[in-house]
Amino acid sequence: MQLEQTLFFRKPITPWYDSTIACWTLITSMIFVFVFAIAGIFVGSGNPEFQEHVWFPGLLSFLSLFLVVKVFLRLKRRSSKN
């Protein structure tokens, strides 16, 4: 018995949350969050009452920048494969 020769090799279907438009939307929104967190760091470090809470905008800025870099690398890797 012979194997069928009609195999289908197609590009994998990308889920909506990993599409190019969704990734660029995420990058754009995380850049806004990063700017907002940097403003929070400046305001929090300028006021002595808020200095103990500066860790939160610091963490927020780190996580948003990390997400921007990771999603951008994903887009770059995806575009280099094509």
N, C-alpha and C. Protein backbone atom coordinates (compact mmCIF):
# COMPACT_ATOMS: atom_id res chain seq x y z
N MET A 1 0.85 -1.17 0.00
CA MET A 1 0.00 0.00 0.00
C MET A 1 0.90 1.24 0.00
N GLN A 2 0.63 2.15 -0.91
CA GLN A 2 1.45 3.35 -1.03
C GLN A 2 0.88 4.47 -0.15
N LEU A 3 1.80 5.34 0.24
CA LEU A 3 1.39 6.52 1.00
C LEU A 3 0.80 7.56 0.07
N GLU A 4 -0.11 8.34 0.57
CA GLU A 4 -0.69 9.40 -0.24
C GLU A 4 0.34 10.49 -0.47
N GLN A 5 0.37 11.00 -1.66
CA GLN A 5 1.33 12.04 -2.01
C GLN A 5 0.72 13.44 -1.93
N THR A 6 -0.51 13.57 -1.54
CA THR A 6 -1.15 14.87 -1.48
C THR A 6 -1.11 15.41 -0.05
N LEU A 7 0.06 15.76 0.39
CA LEU A 7 0.20 16.33 1.71
C LEU A 7 0.03 17.85 1.63
N PHE A 8 -0.54 18.42 2.65
CA PHE A 8 -0.78 19.86 2.67
C PHE A 8 0.23 20.51 3.61
N PHE A 9 1.13 21.30 3.04
CA PHE A 9 2.08 22.06 3.84
C PHE A 9 1.76 23.53 3.63
N ARG A 10 1.12 24.10 4.59
CA ARG A 10 0.73 25.50 4.51
C ARG A 10 1.36 26.25 5.66
N LYS A 11 1.31 27.56 5.53
CA LYS A 11 1.78 28.38 6.64
C LYS A 11 0.86 28.16 7.82
N PRO A 12 1.42 28.13 9.04
CA PRO A 12 0.54 27.97 10.20
C PRO A 12 -0.31 29.22 10.40
N ILE A 13 -1.50 29.01 10.87
CA ILE A 13 -2.43 30.12 11.10
C ILE A 13 -2.03 30.82 12.40
N THR A 14 -1.80 32.11 12.31
CA THR A 14 -1.42 32.90 13.47
C THR A 14 -2.67 33.30 14.24
N PRO A 15 -2.69 33.08 15.55
CA PRO A 15 -3.86 33.50 16.32
C PRO A 15 -4.01 35.03 16.31
N TRP A 16 -5.20 35.52 16.57
CA TRP A 16 -5.46 36.96 16.48
C TRP A 16 -4.61 37.74 17.46
N TYR A 17 -4.33 37.17 18.63
CA TYR A 17 -3.56 37.90 19.64
C TYR A 17 -2.07 37.91 19.33
N ASP A 18 -1.64 37.19 18.32
CA ASP A 18 -0.24 37.19 17.92
C ASP A 18 -0.09 37.75 16.51
N SER A 19 -1.10 38.42 16.02
CA SER A 19 -1.01 39.01 14.68
C SER A 19 -0.12 40.25 14.73
N THR A 20 0.27 40.71 13.56
CA THR A 20 1.16 41.86 13.48
C THR A 20 0.48 43.11 14.02
N ILE A 21 -0.77 43.29 13.70
CA ILE A 21 -1.50 44.48 14.17
C ILE A 21 -1.64 44.45 15.69
N ALA A 22 -1.95 43.30 16.25
CA ALA A 22 -2.08 43.20 17.70
C ALA A 22 -0.74 43.44 18.39
N CYS A 23 0.34 42.95 17.80
CA CYS A 23 1.66 43.17 18.40
C CYS A 23 2.05 44.64 18.36
N TRP A 24 1.78 45.33 17.25
CA TRP A 24 2.11 46.76 17.17
C TRP A 24 1.22 47.58 18.10
N THR A 25 -0.03 47.18 18.26
CA THR A 25 -0.91 47.85 19.21
C THR A 25 -0.40 47.68 20.63
N LEU A 26 0.06 46.48 20.95
CA LEU A 26 0.61 46.21 22.28
C LEU A 26 1.89 47.02 22.51
N ILE A 27 2.75 47.09 21.51
CA ILE A 27 3.98 47.87 21.65
C ILE A 27 3.65 49.34 21.88
N THR A 28 2.72 49.87 21.12
CA THR A 28 2.35 51.28 21.26
C THR A 28 1.76 51.57 22.64
N SER A 29 0.87 50.71 23.09
CA SER A 29 0.26 50.94 24.40
C SER A 29 1.28 50.79 25.53
N MET A 30 2.23 49.86 25.40
CA MET A 30 3.25 49.70 26.43
C MET A 30 4.25 50.85 26.44
N ILE A 31 4.45 51.51 25.31
CA ILE A 31 5.28 52.71 25.30
C ILE A 31 4.59 53.83 26.07
N PHE A 32 3.27 53.95 25.92
CA PHE A 32 2.52 54.94 26.71
C PHE A 32 2.58 54.62 28.20
N VAL A 33 2.47 53.34 28.55
CA VAL A 33 2.57 52.93 29.95
C VAL A 33 3.97 53.24 30.49
N PHE A 34 5.00 53.02 29.67
CA PHE A 34 6.37 53.31 30.09
C PHE A 34 6.56 54.79 30.38
N VAL A 35 6.04 55.64 29.50
CA VAL A 35 6.14 57.10 29.71
C VAL A 35 5.38 57.50 30.97
N PHE A 36 4.21 56.92 31.18
CA PHE A 36 3.42 57.21 32.38
C PHE A 36 4.18 56.78 33.64
N ALA A 37 4.83 55.63 33.59
CA ALA A 37 5.58 55.14 34.75
C ALA A 37 6.81 56.01 35.03
N ILE A 38 7.48 56.46 33.99
CA ILE A 38 8.63 57.35 34.18
C ILE A 38 8.17 58.66 34.82
N ALA A 39 7.01 59.18 34.39
CA ALA A 39 6.47 60.38 35.02
C ALA A 39 6.14 60.11 36.49
N GLY A 40 5.64 58.93 36.79
CA GLY A 40 5.36 58.55 38.18
C GLY A 40 6.62 58.47 39.01
N ILE A 41 7.71 58.02 38.42
CA ILE A 41 8.98 57.97 39.14
C ILE A 41 9.46 59.38 39.47
N PHE A 42 9.36 60.29 38.50
CA PHE A 42 9.78 61.67 38.74
C PHE A 42 8.92 62.34 39.82
N VAL A 43 7.62 62.15 39.74
CA VAL A 43 6.73 62.76 40.73
C VAL A 43 6.95 62.13 42.11
N GLY A 44 7.07 60.81 42.15
CA GLY A 44 7.26 60.12 43.42
C GLY A 44 8.58 60.41 44.09
N SER A 45 9.63 60.56 43.31
CA SER A 45 10.93 60.85 43.92
C SER A 45 11.06 62.33 44.29
N GLY A 46 10.24 63.19 43.71
CA GLY A 46 10.28 64.61 44.04
C GLY A 46 9.53 64.96 45.31
N ASN A 47 8.60 64.12 45.72
CA ASN A 47 7.79 64.38 46.90
C ASN A 47 8.21 63.41 48.01
N PRO A 48 8.66 63.91 49.16
CA PRO A 48 9.14 63.01 50.23
C PRO A 48 8.06 62.05 50.76
N GLU A 49 6.78 62.43 50.64
CA GLU A 49 5.72 61.55 51.13
C GLU A 49 5.54 60.32 50.24
N PHE A 50 5.92 60.43 48.98
CA PHE A 50 5.69 59.34 48.03
C PHE A 50 6.95 58.54 47.72
N GLN A 51 8.08 58.86 48.34
CA GLN A 51 9.33 58.19 47.98
C GLN A 51 9.32 56.71 48.30
N GLU A 52 8.56 56.30 49.30
CA GLU A 52 8.52 54.87 49.62
C GLU A 52 7.69 54.08 48.62
N HIS A 53 6.95 54.77 47.75
CA HIS A 53 6.12 54.10 46.76
C HIS A 53 6.69 54.18 45.35
N VAL A 54 7.92 54.61 45.21
CA VAL A 54 8.53 54.76 43.88
C VAL A 54 8.81 53.39 43.26
N TRP A 55 8.86 52.35 44.06
CA TRP A 55 9.13 51.02 43.52
C TRP A 55 8.06 50.58 42.53
N PHE A 56 6.82 51.00 42.76
CA PHE A 56 5.74 50.55 41.87
C PHE A 56 5.86 51.11 40.46
N PRO A 57 6.05 52.42 40.25
CA PRO A 57 6.25 52.87 38.87
C PRO A 57 7.57 52.38 38.29
N GLY A 58 8.56 52.12 39.15
CA GLY A 58 9.81 51.53 38.66
C GLY A 58 9.59 50.13 38.11
N LEU A 59 8.84 49.34 38.84
CA LEU A 59 8.50 47.99 38.37
C LEU A 59 7.63 48.05 37.12
N LEU A 60 6.69 48.97 37.09
CA LEU A 60 5.81 49.13 35.94
C LEU A 60 6.60 49.53 34.70
N SER A 61 7.56 50.43 34.86
CA SER A 61 8.36 50.85 33.71
C SER A 61 9.25 49.71 33.22
N PHE A 62 9.82 48.94 34.15
CA PHE A 62 10.66 47.80 33.75
C PHE A 62 9.84 46.75 33.00
N LEU A 63 8.68 46.41 33.52
CA LEU A 63 7.86 45.37 32.88
C LEU A 63 7.33 45.82 31.52
N SER A 64 6.95 47.08 31.39
CA SER A 64 6.45 47.54 30.10
C SER A 64 7.57 47.59 29.07
N LEU A 65 8.76 48.03 29.48
CA LEU A 65 9.89 48.05 28.55
C LEU A 65 10.30 46.63 28.16
N PHE A 66 10.26 45.71 29.12
CA PHE A 66 10.58 44.31 28.84
C PHE A 66 9.60 43.73 27.83
N LEU A 67 8.33 44.04 27.98
CA LEU A 67 7.31 43.54 27.05
C LEU A 67 7.48 44.14 25.66
N VAL A 68 7.84 45.41 25.59
CA VAL A 68 8.08 46.04 24.29
C VAL A 68 9.23 45.33 23.57
N VAL A 69 10.31 45.07 24.30
CA VAL A 69 11.47 44.42 23.68
C VAL A 69 11.12 43.00 23.23
N LYS A 70 10.42 42.24 24.08
CA LYS A 70 10.08 40.86 23.73
C LYS A 70 9.16 40.78 22.51
N VAL A 71 8.15 41.64 22.46
CA VAL A 71 7.22 41.60 21.33
C VAL A 71 7.91 42.09 20.06
N PHE A 72 8.78 43.10 20.18
CA PHE A 72 9.51 43.57 19.01
C PHE A 72 10.45 42.48 18.48
N LEU A 73 11.11 41.75 19.36
CA LEU A 73 11.97 40.66 18.90
C LEU A 73 11.15 39.55 18.25
N ARG A 74 9.96 39.30 18.76
CA ARG A 74 9.08 38.31 18.14
C ARG A 74 8.69 38.73 16.73
N LEU A 75 8.35 40.01 16.55
CA LEU A 75 8.01 40.51 15.22
C LEU A 75 9.21 40.46 14.29
N LYS A 76 10.37 40.80 14.80
CA LYS A 76 11.57 40.78 13.97
C LYS A 76 11.92 39.36 13.54
N ARG A 77 11.80 38.41 14.47
CA ARG A 77 12.09 37.01 14.15
C ARG A 77 11.08 36.47 13.14
N ARG A 78 9.82 36.87 13.31
CA ARG A 78 8.79 36.42 12.37
C ARG A 78 9.03 36.99 10.97
N SER A 79 9.44 38.23 10.89
CA SER A 79 9.67 38.84 9.57
C SER A 79 10.94 38.32 8.91
N SER A 80 11.90 37.88 9.72
CA SER A 80 13.14 37.35 9.12
C SER A 80 12.93 35.93 8.58
N LYS A 81 11.93 35.21 9.09
CA LYS A 81 11.64 33.86 8.58
C LYS A 81 11.02 33.92 7.18
N ASN A 82 10.27 34.97 6.90
CA ASN A 82 9.57 35.07 5.61
C ASN A 82 10.47 35.56 4.54
